Amino acid sequence: MCYRILHKLNLVDVDCDNFFSAPHHTTSYIRGTVMKLNKPRIISARDSHFFTSRTVHMWNSLPDSIVTAPTARCFKIIDYR
């Protein structure tokens, strides 16, 4: 679902900016993946169960070859172990 939201696939009608925020860097080099996301601020225990809070760490740990996969099908079948 995270891949579909970030790549703005037509099957998901969700605005990426409402769910995730990219880091605000002045340089083009970002440690980690090309499509790194900021972790949302967790104010209460309830916030830790939101989709964005649960998926950002996992997404940022994926290599570039996976997060930049050309299709959702390629994203699913790439072995990242």
N, C-alpha and C. Protein backbone atom coordinates (compact mmCIF):
# COMPACT_ATOMS: atom_id res chain seq x y z
N MET A 1 0.83 -1.19 0.00
CA MET A 1 0.00 0.00 0.00
C MET A 1 0.87 1.26 0.00
N CYS A 2 1.95 1.21 0.75
CA CYS A 2 2.86 2.35 0.81
C CYS A 2 3.43 2.64 -0.58
N TYR A 3 3.83 1.61 -1.31
CA TYR A 3 4.34 1.77 -2.67
C TYR A 3 3.30 2.42 -3.56
N ARG A 4 2.07 1.95 -3.46
CA ARG A 4 1.00 2.48 -4.31
C ARG A 4 0.70 3.94 -4.00
N ILE A 5 0.74 4.32 -2.74
CA ILE A 5 0.48 5.71 -2.37
C ILE A 5 1.61 6.61 -2.87
N LEU A 6 2.85 6.20 -2.64
CA LEU A 6 3.99 7.04 -3.02
C LEU A 6 4.19 7.16 -4.52
N HIS A 7 3.83 6.12 -5.25
CA HIS A 7 3.98 6.16 -6.71
C HIS A 7 2.71 6.64 -7.41
N LYS A 8 1.72 7.05 -6.63
CA LYS A 8 0.48 7.65 -7.15
C LYS A 8 -0.18 6.76 -8.21
N LEU A 9 -0.31 5.49 -7.87
CA LEU A 9 -0.97 4.57 -8.79
C LEU A 9 -2.46 4.86 -8.84
N ASN A 10 -3.06 4.61 -9.96
CA ASN A 10 -4.47 4.97 -10.16
C ASN A 10 -5.43 4.11 -9.34
N LEU A 11 -4.96 3.03 -8.75
CA LEU A 11 -5.83 2.18 -7.94
C LEU A 11 -6.08 2.75 -6.55
N VAL A 12 -5.26 3.73 -6.15
CA VAL A 12 -5.37 4.32 -4.82
C VAL A 12 -5.63 5.81 -4.97
N ASP A 13 -6.76 6.26 -4.47
CA ASP A 13 -7.11 7.67 -4.57
C ASP A 13 -6.82 8.36 -3.23
N VAL A 14 -5.52 8.46 -2.93
CA VAL A 14 -5.07 9.06 -1.67
C VAL A 14 -3.97 10.06 -1.99
N ASP A 15 -4.03 11.21 -1.37
CA ASP A 15 -2.99 12.21 -1.56
C ASP A 15 -1.78 11.85 -0.70
N CYS A 16 -0.66 11.63 -1.35
CA CYS A 16 0.57 11.22 -0.67
C CYS A 16 0.97 12.22 0.42
N ASP A 17 0.78 13.50 0.17
CA ASP A 17 1.18 14.54 1.13
C ASP A 17 0.38 14.49 2.42
N ASN A 18 -0.82 13.92 2.38
CA ASN A 18 -1.62 13.79 3.59
C ASN A 18 -1.16 12.65 4.48
N PHE A 19 -0.44 11.70 3.91
CA PHE A 19 0.00 10.53 4.67
C PHE A 19 1.47 10.58 5.07
N PHE A 20 2.33 10.96 4.15
CA PHE A 20 3.76 10.90 4.38
C PHE A 20 4.41 12.25 4.12
N SER A 21 5.56 12.46 4.75
CA SER A 21 6.33 13.67 4.45
C SER A 21 7.77 13.27 4.18
N ALA A 22 8.33 13.85 3.14
CA ALA A 22 9.72 13.59 2.78
C ALA A 22 10.61 14.50 3.61
N PRO A 23 11.84 14.07 3.87
CA PRO A 23 12.75 14.94 4.63
C PRO A 23 13.06 16.22 3.85
N HIS A 24 13.25 17.30 4.56
CA HIS A 24 13.56 18.58 3.93
C HIS A 24 15.07 18.79 3.98
N HIS A 25 15.76 18.35 2.92
CA HIS A 25 17.20 18.49 2.84
C HIS A 25 17.54 19.50 1.76
N THR A 26 18.62 20.23 1.97
CA THR A 26 19.05 21.19 0.96
C THR A 26 19.95 20.53 -0.08
N THR A 27 20.51 19.37 0.25
CA THR A 27 21.37 18.67 -0.70
C THR A 27 20.61 17.52 -1.33
N SER A 28 21.13 17.02 -2.43
CA SER A 28 20.46 15.92 -3.11
C SER A 28 20.80 14.57 -2.48
N TYR A 29 21.84 14.52 -1.61
CA TYR A 29 22.23 13.26 -0.99
C TYR A 29 21.43 13.03 0.29
N ILE A 30 20.78 11.90 0.34
CA ILE A 30 20.03 11.51 1.53
C ILE A 30 20.51 10.12 1.92
N ARG A 31 20.93 9.96 3.15
CA ARG A 31 21.37 8.64 3.60
C ARG A 31 20.17 7.70 3.61
N GLY A 32 20.36 6.54 3.04
CA GLY A 32 19.28 5.57 2.95
C GLY A 32 18.73 5.51 1.55
N THR A 33 17.44 5.38 1.42
CA THR A 33 16.83 5.24 0.11
C THR A 33 16.56 6.58 -0.55
N VAL A 34 16.31 6.54 -1.84
CA VAL A 34 16.00 7.74 -2.61
C VAL A 34 14.67 8.32 -2.15
N MET A 35 13.74 7.47 -1.79
CA MET A 35 12.39 7.90 -1.41
C MET A 35 12.20 7.80 0.10
N LYS A 36 13.15 8.30 0.87
CA LYS A 36 13.09 8.22 2.32
C LYS A 36 11.95 9.08 2.85
N LEU A 37 11.33 8.62 3.92
CA LEU A 37 10.20 9.33 4.53
C LEU A 37 10.54 9.73 5.95
N ASN A 38 9.94 10.81 6.43
CA ASN A 38 10.08 11.21 7.83
C ASN A 38 9.13 10.40 8.69
N LYS A 39 9.60 10.06 9.88
CA LYS A 39 8.71 9.41 10.83
C LYS A 39 7.79 10.46 11.43
N PRO A 40 6.50 10.16 11.50
CA PRO A 40 5.59 11.14 12.11
C PRO A 40 5.82 11.23 13.62
N ARG A 41 5.51 12.36 14.17
CA ARG A 41 5.64 12.54 15.61
C ARG A 41 4.53 11.80 16.32
N ILE A 42 4.89 10.98 17.28
CA ILE A 42 3.90 10.20 18.03
C ILE A 42 3.65 10.89 19.36
N ILE A 43 2.42 11.36 19.51
CA ILE A 43 2.06 12.10 20.71
C ILE A 43 1.45 11.19 21.76
N SER A 44 0.67 10.22 21.32
CA SER A 44 0.05 9.30 22.27
C SER A 44 0.22 7.86 21.79
N ALA A 45 -0.08 6.92 22.63
CA ALA A 45 0.02 5.50 22.27
C ALA A 45 -0.90 5.17 21.10
N ARG A 46 -1.99 5.87 21.00
CA ARG A 46 -2.94 5.67 19.91
C ARG A 46 -2.29 5.97 18.56
N ASP A 47 -1.45 7.00 18.51
CA ASP A 47 -0.79 7.40 17.27
C ASP A 47 0.16 6.33 16.73
N SER A 48 0.71 5.52 17.60
CA SER A 48 1.67 4.51 17.16
C SER A 48 1.03 3.40 16.35
N HIS A 49 -0.29 3.32 16.34
CA HIS A 49 -1.00 2.29 15.60
C HIS A 49 -1.45 2.75 14.21
N PHE A 50 -1.25 4.02 13.88
CA PHE A 50 -1.62 4.52 12.57
C PHE A 50 -0.75 3.89 11.48
N PHE A 51 -1.27 3.81 10.28
CA PHE A 51 -0.57 3.21 9.15
C PHE A 51 0.79 3.88 8.92
N THR A 52 0.83 5.20 8.95
CA THR A 52 2.08 5.90 8.68
C THR A 52 3.13 5.61 9.75
N SER A 53 2.74 5.50 10.98
CA SER A 53 3.69 5.23 12.06
C SER A 53 4.26 3.82 11.95
N ARG A 54 3.46 2.88 11.52
CA ARG A 54 3.91 1.49 11.44
C ARG A 54 4.78 1.21 10.22
N THR A 55 4.61 1.94 9.14
CA THR A 55 5.27 1.57 7.89
C THR A 55 6.52 2.36 7.54
N VAL A 56 6.72 3.54 8.08
CA VAL A 56 7.83 4.39 7.67
C VAL A 56 9.19 3.74 7.94
N HIS A 57 9.39 3.15 9.11
CA HIS A 57 10.68 2.52 9.42
C HIS A 57 10.95 1.36 8.46
N MET A 58 9.94 0.56 8.21
CA MET A 58 10.10 -0.57 7.29
C MET A 58 10.40 -0.08 5.87
N TRP A 59 9.70 0.95 5.42
CA TRP A 59 9.91 1.50 4.08
C TRP A 59 11.34 2.05 3.94
N ASN A 60 11.80 2.81 4.95
CA ASN A 60 13.13 3.40 4.88
C ASN A 60 14.23 2.36 4.92
N SER A 61 13.95 1.16 5.40
CA SER A 61 14.97 0.12 5.45
C SER A 61 15.11 -0.64 4.14
N LEU A 62 14.18 -0.44 3.21
CA LEU A 62 14.25 -1.13 1.92
C LEU A 62 15.31 -0.49 1.03
N PRO A 63 16.00 -1.30 0.21
CA PRO A 63 17.00 -0.74 -0.71
C PRO A 63 16.36 0.00 -1.88
N ASP A 64 17.15 0.85 -2.54
CA ASP A 64 16.66 1.65 -3.66
C ASP A 64 16.06 0.81 -4.78
N SER A 65 16.63 -0.35 -5.03
CA SER A 65 16.14 -1.19 -6.12
C SER A 65 14.69 -1.62 -5.91
N ILE A 66 14.27 -1.66 -4.68
CA ILE A 66 12.89 -2.06 -4.39
C ILE A 66 11.95 -0.87 -4.40
N VAL A 67 12.31 0.22 -3.71
CA VAL A 67 11.40 1.36 -3.63
C VAL A 67 11.23 2.07 -4.97
N THR A 68 12.18 1.88 -5.89
CA THR A 68 12.06 2.49 -7.21
C THR A 68 11.65 1.47 -8.27
N ALA A 69 11.08 0.36 -7.85
CA ALA A 69 10.63 -0.66 -8.80
C ALA A 69 9.66 -0.03 -9.79
N PRO A 70 9.73 -0.44 -11.06
CA PRO A 70 8.89 0.21 -12.08
C PRO A 70 7.39 -0.07 -11.95
N THR A 71 7.02 -1.21 -11.38
CA THR A 71 5.61 -1.54 -11.21
C THR A 71 5.37 -2.14 -9.83
N ALA A 72 4.12 -2.15 -9.41
CA ALA A 72 3.77 -2.75 -8.12
C ALA A 72 4.07 -4.24 -8.13
N ARG A 73 3.89 -4.88 -9.26
CA ARG A 73 4.17 -6.31 -9.36
C ARG A 73 5.66 -6.58 -9.14
N CYS A 74 6.51 -5.77 -9.76
CA CYS A 74 7.96 -5.90 -9.55
C CYS A 74 8.31 -5.65 -8.08
N PHE A 75 7.67 -4.68 -7.47
CA PHE A 75 7.90 -4.39 -6.06
C PHE A 75 7.61 -5.60 -5.20
N LYS A 76 6.56 -6.32 -5.51
CA LYS A 76 6.16 -7.48 -4.71
C LYS A 76 7.10 -8.67 -4.87
N ILE A 77 7.66 -8.85 -6.06
CA ILE A 77 8.43 -10.08 -6.30
C ILE A 77 9.94 -9.92 -6.07
N ILE A 78 10.44 -8.69 -5.90
CA ILE A 78 11.87 -8.51 -5.66
C ILE A 78 12.23 -9.04 -4.28
N ASP A 79 13.29 -9.84 -4.23
CA ASP A 79 13.76 -10.41 -2.96
C ASP A 79 14.78 -9.46 -2.37
N TYR A 80 14.52 -8.92 -1.20
CA TYR A 80 15.41 -7.94 -0.60
C TYR A 80 16.19 -8.50 0.59
N ARG A 81 16.21 -9.80 0.75
CA ARG A 81 16.96 -10.39 1.87
C ARG A 81 18.41 -10.48 1.60
